[in-house]
Amino acid sequence: MTGFDTKALQKITYGLFVITCSYDGKDNGMICNTVAQVASDPMRIAVSINKANFSHDMIKNAGTMNVCMLTEEAPFEVFTRFGFQSGKNADKFAGEQVFRSANGAPLLTKFINSFMSLKVVDYTDLGSHGLFICEPTDSAVMSDKPSMSYAYYHSNVKPKPQAAEKKVKGYVCNICGYIYEGETLPEDFICPLCKHPASDFSPIE
């Protein structure tokens, strides 16, 4: 067997989180599926964020963030609010009473079972993404409700793309459901909604 089948990447298990941050008087939040504990002594949490996301630069400047662990009760509206629009031109906390952790970043008050406040201690440029290595400074568990997984989101939360039901020729983003219409998906294509690369798209069958 030779070559690399990018579909193998879809078999990696992920959680789904809302990363929140605050810098220069502005709050922001984004959907993220790349948060992991990578060391225990000292405790270190790694968060990988696409550099095209507005939150990436905010976190680099602020040096802090919160990770809000979504539960299986989180509706699709949470993903549209935090994943389908840019904080550059939208207030993602509009209409919500904002609660903050000790680091000043906002916290979700619904549909999470815990949170961690993180202080950035190291950063690595990975090309498309930036890897933040962080020290936890605060945390709390709110409930024992099951955490939202990437697989659960796709099976139970994300609506089925209407275009796919109409047999449109193209590709669908495995992260947010965006449809790219066309016979061939460019290798350097980036999802305009969630900023994930072409490797996270699947052909519409």
C-alpha atoms as a PDB file:
ATOM      1  CA  MET A   1       0.000   0.000   0.000  1.00  0.00           C
ATOM      2  CA  THR A   2       1.404   3.367  -1.022  1.00  0.00           C
ATOM      3  CA  GLY A   3       0.317   6.978  -0.820  1.00  0.00           C
ATOM      4  CA  PHE A   4      -1.682   8.768   1.806  1.00  0.00           C
ATOM      5  CA  ASP A   5      -5.465   8.538   2.017  1.00  0.00           C
ATOM      6  CA  THR A   6      -6.655  11.800   3.597  1.00  0.00           C
ATOM      7  CA  LYS A   7      -9.863  10.047   4.675  1.00  0.00           C
ATOM      8  CA  ALA A   8      -7.749   8.386   7.360  1.00  0.00           C
ATOM      9  CA  LEU A   9      -7.596  11.795   9.052  1.00  0.00           C
ATOM     10  CA  GLN A  10     -11.362  11.698   9.482  1.00  0.00           C
ATOM     11  CA  LYS A  11     -10.991   8.633  11.720  1.00  0.00           C
ATOM     12  CA  ILE A  12      -9.088  10.603  14.354  1.00  0.00           C
ATOM     13  CA  THR A  13     -11.396  11.324  17.283  1.00  0.00           C
ATOM     14  CA  TYR A  14     -11.949  14.943  18.270  1.00  0.00           C
ATOM     15  CA  GLY A  15     -13.946  16.960  20.747  1.00  0.00           C
ATOM     16  CA  LEU A  16     -15.658  20.217  19.858  1.00  0.00           C
ATOM     17  CA  PHE A  17     -15.033  23.383  21.818  1.00  0.00           C
ATOM     18  CA  VAL A  18     -15.684  27.096  21.758  1.00  0.00           C
ATOM     19  CA  ILE A  19     -12.437  29.023  22.197  1.00  0.00           C
ATOM     20  CA  THR A  20     -13.075  32.494  23.630  1.00  0.00           C
ATOM     21  CA  CYS A  21     -10.729  35.448  23.901  1.00  0.00           C
ATOM     22  CA  SER A  22     -10.689  39.152  24.595  1.00  0.00           C
ATOM     23  CA  TYR A  23      -8.252  41.799  23.390  1.00  0.00           C
ATOM     24  CA  ASP A  24      -8.284  45.571  23.094  1.00  0.00           C
ATOM     25  CA  GLY A  25     -11.881  45.821  24.294  1.00  0.00           C
ATOM     26  CA  LYS A  26     -13.254  43.210  21.887  1.00  0.00           C
ATOM     27  CA  ASP A  27     -14.625  39.763  22.703  1.00  0.00           C
ATOM     28  CA  ASN A  28     -14.567  36.874  20.271  1.00  0.00           C
ATOM     29  CA  GLY A  29     -15.156  33.149  20.064  1.00  0.00           C
ATOM     30  CA  MET A  30     -14.648  30.336  17.571  1.00  0.00           C
ATOM     31  CA  ILE A  31     -15.386  26.655  17.110  1.00  0.00           C
ATOM     32  CA  CYS A  32     -12.306  24.471  17.500  1.00  0.00           C
ATOM     33  CA  ASN A  33     -11.711  20.717  17.374  1.00  0.00           C
ATOM     34  CA  THR A  34      -7.985  20.717  18.096  1.00  0.00           C
ATOM     35  CA  VAL A  35      -7.482  20.949  21.860  1.00  0.00           C
ATOM     36  CA  ALA A  36      -5.430  18.346  23.720  1.00  0.00           C
ATOM     37  CA  GLN A  37      -3.493  17.791  26.923  1.00  0.00           C
ATOM     38  CA  VAL A  38       0.081  17.165  25.776  1.00  0.00           C
ATOM     39  CA  ALA A  39       1.983  17.040  29.104  1.00  0.00           C
ATOM     40  CA  SER A  40       1.204  16.569  32.788  1.00  0.00           C
ATOM     41  CA  ASP A  41       4.281  17.874  34.614  1.00  0.00           C
ATOM     42  CA  PRO A  42       4.170  20.728  34.017  1.00  0.00           C
ATOM     43  CA  MET A  43       0.574  20.631  32.809  1.00  0.00           C
ATOM     44  CA  ARG A  44       0.374  21.758  29.204  1.00  0.00           C
ATOM     45  CA  ILE A  45      -2.602  22.121  26.860  1.00  0.00           C
ATOM     46  CA  ALA A  46      -2.103  22.492  23.104  1.00  0.00           C
ATOM     47  CA  VAL A  47      -4.563  24.443  20.954  1.00  0.00           C
ATOM     48  CA  SER A  48      -4.116  24.608  17.182  1.00  0.00           C
ATOM     49  CA  ILE A  49      -5.858  27.509  15.406  1.00  0.00           C
ATOM     50  CA  ASN A  50      -5.989  28.372  11.714  1.00  0.00           C
ATOM     51  CA  LYS A  51      -4.110  31.627  11.134  1.00  0.00           C
ATOM     52  CA  ALA A  52      -6.970  32.857   8.925  1.00  0.00           C
ATOM     53  CA  ASN A  53      -9.215  33.013  11.992  1.00  0.00           C
ATOM     54  CA  PHE A  54      -9.531  36.405  13.690  1.00  0.00           C
ATOM     55  CA  SER A  55      -9.157  34.690  17.084  1.00  0.00           C
ATOM     56  CA  HIS A  56      -5.646  33.553  16.168  1.00  0.00           C
ATOM     57  CA  ASP A  57      -4.211  37.075  16.228  1.00  0.00           C
ATOM     58  CA  MET A  58      -6.319  38.111  19.205  1.00  0.00           C
ATOM     59  CA  ILE A  59      -4.939  35.235  21.268  1.00  0.00           C
ATOM     60  CA  LYS A  60      -1.360  35.936  20.151  1.00  0.00           C
ATOM     61  CA  ASN A  61      -1.751  39.513  21.363  1.00  0.00           C
ATOM     62  CA  ALA A  62      -3.675  38.762  24.557  1.00  0.00           C
ATOM     63  CA  GLY A  63      -1.679  35.679  25.559  1.00  0.00           C
ATOM     64  CA  THR A  64      -4.776  34.114  27.103  1.00  0.00           C
ATOM     65  CA  MET A  65      -7.909  32.214  26.095  1.00  0.00           C
ATOM     66  CA  ASN A  66     -10.710  30.086  27.490  1.00  0.00           C
ATOM     67  CA  VAL A  67     -11.692  26.624  26.276  1.00  0.00           C
ATOM     68  CA  CYS A  68     -15.407  25.903  26.733  1.00  0.00           C
ATOM     69  CA  MET A  69     -16.254  22.197  26.409  1.00  0.00           C
ATOM     70  CA  LEU A  70     -19.514  21.789  24.490  1.00  0.00           C
ATOM     71  CA  THR A  71     -22.065  19.151  25.508  1.00  0.00           C
ATOM     72  CA  GLU A  72     -24.201  16.980  23.273  1.00  0.00           C
ATOM     73  CA  GLU A  73     -27.081  19.361  24.012  1.00  0.00           C
ATOM     74  CA  ALA A  74     -25.434  22.192  22.052  1.00  0.00           C
ATOM     75  CA  PRO A  75     -27.737  23.109  19.127  1.00  0.00           C
ATOM     76  CA  PHE A  76     -26.618  23.956  15.605  1.00  0.00           C
ATOM     77  CA  GLU A  77     -27.140  27.659  16.424  1.00  0.00           C
ATOM     78  CA  VAL A  78     -24.013  27.547  18.603  1.00  0.00           C
ATOM     79  CA  PHE A  79     -21.992  26.426  15.593  1.00  0.00           C
ATOM     80  CA  THR A  80     -23.492  29.020  13.258  1.00  0.00           C
ATOM     81  CA  ARG A  81     -22.833  31.785  15.805  1.00  0.00           C
ATOM     82  CA  PHE A  82     -19.244  30.869  16.580  1.00  0.00           C
ATOM     83  CA  GLY A  83     -18.189  29.041  13.423  1.00  0.00           C
ATOM     84  CA  PHE A  84     -19.961  30.490  10.395  1.00  0.00           C
ATOM     85  CA  GLN A  85     -19.105  34.184  10.753  1.00  0.00           C
ATOM     86  CA  SER A  86     -15.953  36.172  11.384  1.00  0.00           C
ATOM     87  CA  GLY A  87     -15.342  38.166  14.529  1.00  0.00           C
ATOM     88  CA  LYS A  88     -13.808  40.828  12.301  1.00  0.00           C
ATOM     89  CA  ASN A  89     -17.271  42.031  11.356  1.00  0.00           C
ATOM     90  CA  ALA A  90     -19.652  40.358  13.798  1.00  0.00           C
ATOM     91  CA  ASP A  91     -20.176  40.527  17.561  1.00  0.00           C
ATOM     92  CA  LYS A  92     -20.580  36.869  18.423  1.00  0.00           C
ATOM     93  CA  PHE A  93     -21.808  37.699  21.929  1.00  0.00           C
ATOM     94  CA  ALA A  94     -24.449  40.191  20.767  1.00  0.00           C
ATOM     95  CA  GLY A  95     -27.632  39.912  22.793  1.00  0.00           C
ATOM     96  CA  GLU A  96     -25.991  37.740  25.436  1.00  0.00           C
ATOM     97  CA  GLN A  97     -25.146  38.595  29.026  1.00  0.00           C
ATOM     98  CA  VAL A  98     -21.379  38.157  29.095  1.00  0.00           C
ATOM     99  CA  PHE A  99     -19.733  36.382  32.016  1.00  0.00           C
ATOM    100  CA  ARG A 100     -15.961  36.391  32.324  1.00  0.00           C
ATOM    101  CA  SER A 101     -13.291  34.241  33.902  1.00  0.00           C
ATOM    102  CA  ALA A 102     -10.437  35.687  35.905  1.00  0.00           C
ATOM    103  CA  ASN A 103      -8.369  36.241  32.745  1.00  0.00           C
ATOM    104  CA  GLY A 104     -11.028  38.596  31.354  1.00  0.00           C
ATOM    105  CA  ALA A 105     -12.125  36.390  28.459  1.00  0.00           C
ATOM    106  CA  PRO A 106     -15.842  35.605  28.098  1.00  0.00           C
ATOM    107  CA  LEU A 107     -17.423  32.288  29.033  1.00  0.00           C
ATOM    108  CA  LEU A 108     -20.366  30.458  27.560  1.00  0.00           C
ATOM    109  CA  THR A 109     -23.140  30.031  30.111  1.00  0.00           C
ATOM    110  CA  LYS A 110     -25.084  27.312  28.288  1.00  0.00           C
ATOM    111  CA  PHE A 111     -24.322  24.029  26.559  1.00  0.00           C
ATOM    112  CA  ILE A 112     -20.944  23.456  28.219  1.00  0.00           C
ATOM    113  CA  ASN A 113     -19.932  21.024  30.942  1.00  0.00           C
ATOM    114  CA  SER A 114     -16.617  22.647  31.903  1.00  0.00           C
ATOM    115  CA  PHE A 115     -14.085  25.292  30.982  1.00  0.00           C
ATOM    116  CA  MET A 116     -10.360  25.933  31.226  1.00  0.00           C
ATOM    117  CA  SER A 117      -8.583  29.272  31.287  1.00  0.00           C
ATOM    118  CA  LEU A 118      -5.234  29.094  29.529  1.00  0.00           C
ATOM    119  CA  LYS A 119      -2.097  31.221  29.509  1.00  0.00           C
ATOM    120  CA  VAL A 120       0.032  30.940  26.374  1.00  0.00           C
ATOM    121  CA  VAL A 121       3.616  29.941  27.229  1.00  0.00           C
ATOM    122  CA  ASP A 122       4.893  28.985  23.770  1.00  0.00           C
ATOM    123  CA  TYR A 123       3.873  29.287  20.127  1.00  0.00           C
ATOM    124  CA  THR A 124       4.888  27.399  16.984  1.00  0.00           C
ATOM    125  CA  ASP A 125       4.088  28.467  13.432  1.00  0.00           C
ATOM    126  CA  LEU A 126       2.821  25.368  11.615  1.00  0.00           C
ATOM    127  CA  GLY A 127       2.135  27.008   8.266  1.00  0.00           C
ATOM    128  CA  SER A 128      -1.653  27.146   7.916  1.00  0.00           C
ATOM    129  CA  HIS A 129      -2.095  26.970  11.699  1.00  0.00           C
ATOM    130  CA  GLY A 130      -0.490  28.321  14.821  1.00  0.00           C
ATOM    131  CA  LEU A 131       0.079  25.957  17.748  1.00  0.00           C
ATOM    132  CA  PHE A 132      -0.427  27.535  21.161  1.00  0.00           C
ATOM    133  CA  ILE A 133       1.157  25.681  24.083  1.00  0.00           C
ATOM    134  CA  CYS A 134      -0.630  26.768  27.222  1.00  0.00           C
ATOM    135  CA  GLU A 135      -0.563  26.567  30.993  1.00  0.00           C
ATOM    136  CA  PRO A 136      -3.984  26.110  32.651  1.00  0.00           C
ATOM    137  CA  THR A 137      -4.653  28.880  35.176  1.00  0.00           C
ATOM    138  CA  ASP A 138      -8.272  28.144  36.112  1.00  0.00           C
ATOM    139  CA  SER A 139     -10.963  25.558  35.446  1.00  0.00           C
ATOM    140  CA  ALA A 140     -14.371  24.393  36.609  1.00  0.00           C
ATOM    141  CA  VAL A 141     -16.778  21.536  35.943  1.00  0.00           C
ATOM    142  CA  MET A 142     -20.412  22.588  35.565  1.00  0.00           C
ATOM    143  CA  SER A 143     -22.108  19.252  34.861  1.00  0.00           C
ATOM    144  CA  ASP A 144     -21.583  15.601  34.003  1.00  0.00           C
ATOM    145  CA  LYS A 145     -23.401  15.879  30.666  1.00  0.00           C
ATOM    146  CA  PRO A 146     -21.533  14.113  27.832  1.00  0.00           C
ATOM    147  CA  SER A 147     -19.060  16.187  25.858  1.00  0.00           C
ATOM    148  CA  MET A 148     -19.778  16.887  22.203  1.00  0.00           C
ATOM    149  CA  SER A 149     -17.605  14.847  19.870  1.00  0.00           C
ATOM    150  CA  TYR A 150     -16.850  15.543  16.240  1.00  0.00           C
ATOM    151  CA  ALA A 151     -18.654  12.336  15.278  1.00  0.00           C
ATOM    152  CA  TYR A 152     -21.740  13.177  17.359  1.00  0.00           C
ATOM    153  CA  TYR A 153     -21.958  16.615  15.767  1.00  0.00           C
ATOM    154  CA  HIS A 154     -21.978  15.141  12.268  1.00  0.00           C
ATOM    155  CA  SER A 155     -24.497  12.430  13.122  1.00  0.00           C
ATOM    156  CA  ASN A 156     -26.928  14.348  15.323  1.00  0.00           C
ATOM    157  CA  VAL A 157     -26.438  18.128  15.140  1.00  0.00           C
ATOM    158  CA  LYS A 158     -25.322  19.290  11.702  1.00  0.00           C
ATOM    159  CA  PRO A 159     -28.201  19.509   9.206  1.00  0.00           C
ATOM    160  CA  LYS A 160     -27.828  17.465   6.056  1.00  0.00           C
ATOM    161  CA  PRO A 161     -26.787  19.786   3.202  1.00  0.00           C
ATOM    162  CA  GLN A 162     -29.773  20.429   0.917  1.00  0.00           C
ATOM    163  CA  ALA A 163     -27.508  20.728  -2.075  1.00  0.00           C
ATOM    164  CA  ALA A 164     -26.141  17.263  -1.415  1.00  0.00           C
ATOM    165  CA  GLU A 165     -29.686  15.880  -1.382  1.00  0.00           C
ATOM    166  CA  LYS A 166     -30.184  17.373  -4.868  1.00  0.00           C
ATOM    167  CA  LYS A 167     -27.128  15.464  -6.107  1.00  0.00           C
ATOM    168  CA  VAL A 168     -25.150  18.599  -6.931  1.00  0.00           C
ATOM    169  CA  LYS A 169     -21.693  17.693  -8.187  1.00  0.00           C
ATOM    170  CA  GLY A 170     -19.112  18.962  -5.761  1.00  0.00           C
ATOM    171  CA  TYR A 171     -17.591  18.572  -2.323  1.00  0.00           C
ATOM    172  CA  VAL A 172     -18.909  19.113   1.206  1.00  0.00           C
ATOM    173  CA  CYS A 173     -16.866  20.391   4.140  1.00  0.00           C
ATOM    174  CA  ASN A 174     -16.789  17.742   6.867  1.00  0.00           C
ATOM    175  CA  ILE A 175     -16.491  20.449   9.507  1.00  0.00           C
ATOM    176  CA  CYS A 176     -19.278  22.930   8.763  1.00  0.00           C
ATOM    177  CA  GLY A 177     -21.208  21.547   5.780  1.00  0.00           C
ATOM    178  CA  TYR A 178     -20.183  24.194   3.223  1.00  0.00           C
ATOM    179  CA  ILE A 179     -20.781  23.007  -0.350  1.00  0.00           C
ATOM    180  CA  TYR A 180     -18.182  23.556  -3.087  1.00  0.00           C
ATOM    181  CA  GLU A 181     -19.807  23.052  -6.476  1.00  0.00           C
ATOM    182  CA  GLY A 182     -17.550  21.744  -9.210  1.00  0.00           C
ATOM    183  CA  GLU A 183     -15.966  18.628 -10.668  1.00  0.00           C
ATOM    184  CA  THR A 184     -12.581  19.159  -8.988  1.00  0.00           C
ATOM    185  CA  LEU A 185     -11.729  20.695  -5.627  1.00  0.00           C
ATOM    186  CA  PRO A 186      -8.457  22.690  -5.786  1.00  0.00           C
ATOM    187  CA  GLU A 187      -5.791  21.247  -3.478  1.00  0.00           C
ATOM    188  CA  ASP A 188      -5.189  24.666  -1.913  1.00  0.00           C
ATOM    189  CA  PHE A 189      -8.900  25.396  -1.363  1.00  0.00           C
ATOM    190  CA  ILE A 190      -9.807  26.811   2.073  1.00  0.00           C
ATOM    191  CA  CYS A 191     -13.381  26.633   3.362  1.00  0.00           C
ATOM    192  CA  PRO A 192     -14.701  30.220   3.430  1.00  0.00           C
ATOM    193  CA  LEU A 193     -16.779  29.476   6.530  1.00  0.00           C
ATOM    194  CA  CYS A 194     -14.644  27.426   8.920  1.00  0.00           C
ATOM    195  CA  LYS A 195     -11.233  27.944   7.242  1.00  0.00           C
ATOM    196  CA  HIS A 196     -10.415  24.224   7.028  1.00  0.00           C
ATOM    197  CA  PRO A 197      -8.384  22.911   4.069  1.00  0.00           C
ATOM    198  CA  ALA A 198      -9.360  20.758   1.106  1.00  0.00           C
ATOM    199  CA  SER A 199      -8.374  17.619   3.035  1.00  0.00           C
ATOM    200  CA  ASP A 200     -11.450  18.158   5.219  1.00  0.00           C
ATOM    201  CA  PHE A 201     -13.822  17.946   2.226  1.00  0.00           C
ATOM    202  CA  SER A 202     -15.545  14.836   0.896  1.00  0.00           C
ATOM    203  CA  PRO A 203     -17.100  14.276  -2.545  1.00  0.00           C
ATOM    204  CA  ILE A 204     -20.888  14.550  -2.667  1.00  0.00           C
ATOM    205  CA  GLU A 205     -22.176  11.123  -3.575  1.00  0.00           C
END
